[in-house]
Amino acid sequence: MKLIDYLRIIFRYSSRPDFIITIKNGIANMSSGKVSEKLVSEFSSIAKNENISSGTIYGVKDNNRIVLEFSSSILDGDRQRFRNALNSL
């Protein structure tokens, strides 16, 4: 595990996520918190299009806005697609 992964874990547990979305078999599902069904559907679409079979996305408040944190199974290029989807809603 890389140092950045450890730092993400520390950050994730120091700031409780507002929502958690898990991806299993390319389908996004809400694990905890509340977001629109449209966002979950958009995340599922991205996961299918990018062949992301599993992963976790955490929505964390940072200075009154939501930022996304990701499990290491979601690649950097794909992370930006999820951020764009969040910001477009």
Protein backbone atom coordinates (compact mmCIF):
# COMPACT_ATOMS: atom_id res chain seq x y z
CA MET A 1 0.00 0.00 0.00
CA LYS A 2 1.29 3.45 -0.91
CA LEU A 3 1.73 6.29 1.54
CA ILE A 4 -1.03 8.23 -0.19
CA ASP A 5 -3.43 5.34 0.48
CA TYR A 6 -2.60 5.48 4.19
CA LEU A 7 -3.15 9.22 4.23
CA ARG A 8 -6.53 8.78 2.54
CA ILE A 9 -7.53 6.24 5.18
CA ILE A 10 -6.51 8.60 7.99
CA PHE A 11 -8.39 11.50 6.35
CA ARG A 12 -11.44 9.32 5.74
CA TYR A 13 -11.68 8.33 9.40
CA SER A 14 -10.95 11.81 10.74
CA SER A 15 -13.84 13.23 8.67
CA ARG A 16 -16.96 11.15 8.62
CA PRO A 17 -18.32 10.81 5.07
CA ASP A 18 -21.69 12.37 4.24
CA PHE A 19 -22.31 9.44 1.91
CA ILE A 20 -20.69 6.22 0.76
CA ILE A 21 -21.34 4.63 -2.63
CA THR A 22 -20.01 1.16 -3.36
CA ILE A 23 -19.49 -0.32 -6.78
CA LYS A 24 -19.95 -4.07 -7.20
CA ASN A 25 -20.00 -5.78 -10.56
CA GLY A 26 -20.04 -2.37 -12.25
CA ILE A 27 -23.18 -1.20 -10.44
CA ALA A 28 -23.14 1.70 -7.96
CA ASN A 29 -25.25 1.40 -4.81
CA MET A 30 -25.77 3.74 -1.88
CA SER A 31 -24.18 2.27 1.26
CA SER A 32 -24.86 5.12 3.65
CA GLY A 33 -25.99 8.73 3.64
CA LYS A 34 -28.23 10.42 1.09
CA VAL A 35 -27.67 11.52 -2.50
CA SER A 36 -29.99 11.70 -5.46
CA GLU A 37 -30.86 8.58 -7.41
CA LYS A 38 -29.69 10.48 -10.49
CA LEU A 39 -26.15 10.69 -9.07
CA VAL A 40 -26.10 6.98 -8.18
CA SER A 41 -27.36 6.19 -11.69
CA GLU A 42 -24.67 8.41 -13.22
CA PHE A 43 -21.99 6.70 -11.11
CA SER A 44 -23.27 3.31 -12.32
CA SER A 45 -23.05 4.48 -15.90
CA ILE A 46 -19.47 5.64 -15.42
CA ALA A 47 -18.52 2.37 -13.72
CA LYS A 48 -19.97 0.34 -16.60
CA ASN A 49 -18.40 2.50 -19.31
CA GLU A 50 -14.97 2.42 -17.66
CA ASN A 51 -15.15 -1.28 -16.69
CA ILE A 52 -14.85 -0.56 -12.97
CA SER A 53 -15.95 -3.80 -11.33
CA SER A 54 -15.57 -2.74 -7.69
CA GLY A 55 -14.65 0.20 -5.51
CA THR A 56 -15.87 2.68 -2.95
CA ILE A 57 -16.57 6.40 -3.27
CA TYR A 58 -16.76 8.59 -0.18
CA GLY A 59 -18.43 12.02 -0.20
CA VAL A 60 -16.77 14.16 2.47
CA LYS A 61 -17.52 17.78 3.41
CA ASP A 62 -14.56 20.12 3.03
CA ASN A 63 -15.13 23.84 3.59
CA ASN A 64 -18.89 23.59 2.94
CA ARG A 65 -18.54 21.59 -0.28
CA ILE A 66 -18.49 17.88 -0.98
CA VAL A 67 -15.24 16.34 -2.18
CA LEU A 68 -14.89 12.75 -3.29
CA GLU A 69 -12.41 10.26 -1.89
CA PHE A 70 -11.89 6.91 -3.59
CA SER A 71 -10.69 3.43 -2.80
CA SER A 72 -7.43 2.52 -4.52
CA SER A 73 -9.25 0.24 -6.99
CA ILE A 74 -10.59 3.32 -8.83
CA LEU A 75 -7.91 4.78 -11.11
CA ASP A 76 -7.02 8.49 -11.22
CA GLY A 77 -8.49 9.09 -14.69
CA ASP A 78 -11.78 7.51 -13.68
CA ARG A 79 -11.91 9.56 -10.48
CA GLN A 80 -12.19 12.76 -12.49
CA ARG A 81 -15.23 11.39 -14.33
CA PHE A 82 -16.97 10.83 -10.99
CA ARG A 83 -16.05 14.35 -9.83
CA ASN A 84 -17.43 15.80 -13.06
CA ALA A 85 -20.69 13.90 -12.57
CA LEU A 86 -21.04 15.24 -9.02
CA ASN A 87 -20.36 18.82 -10.11
CA SER A 88 -22.77 18.66 -13.05
CA LEU A 89 -25.80 18.03 -10.83
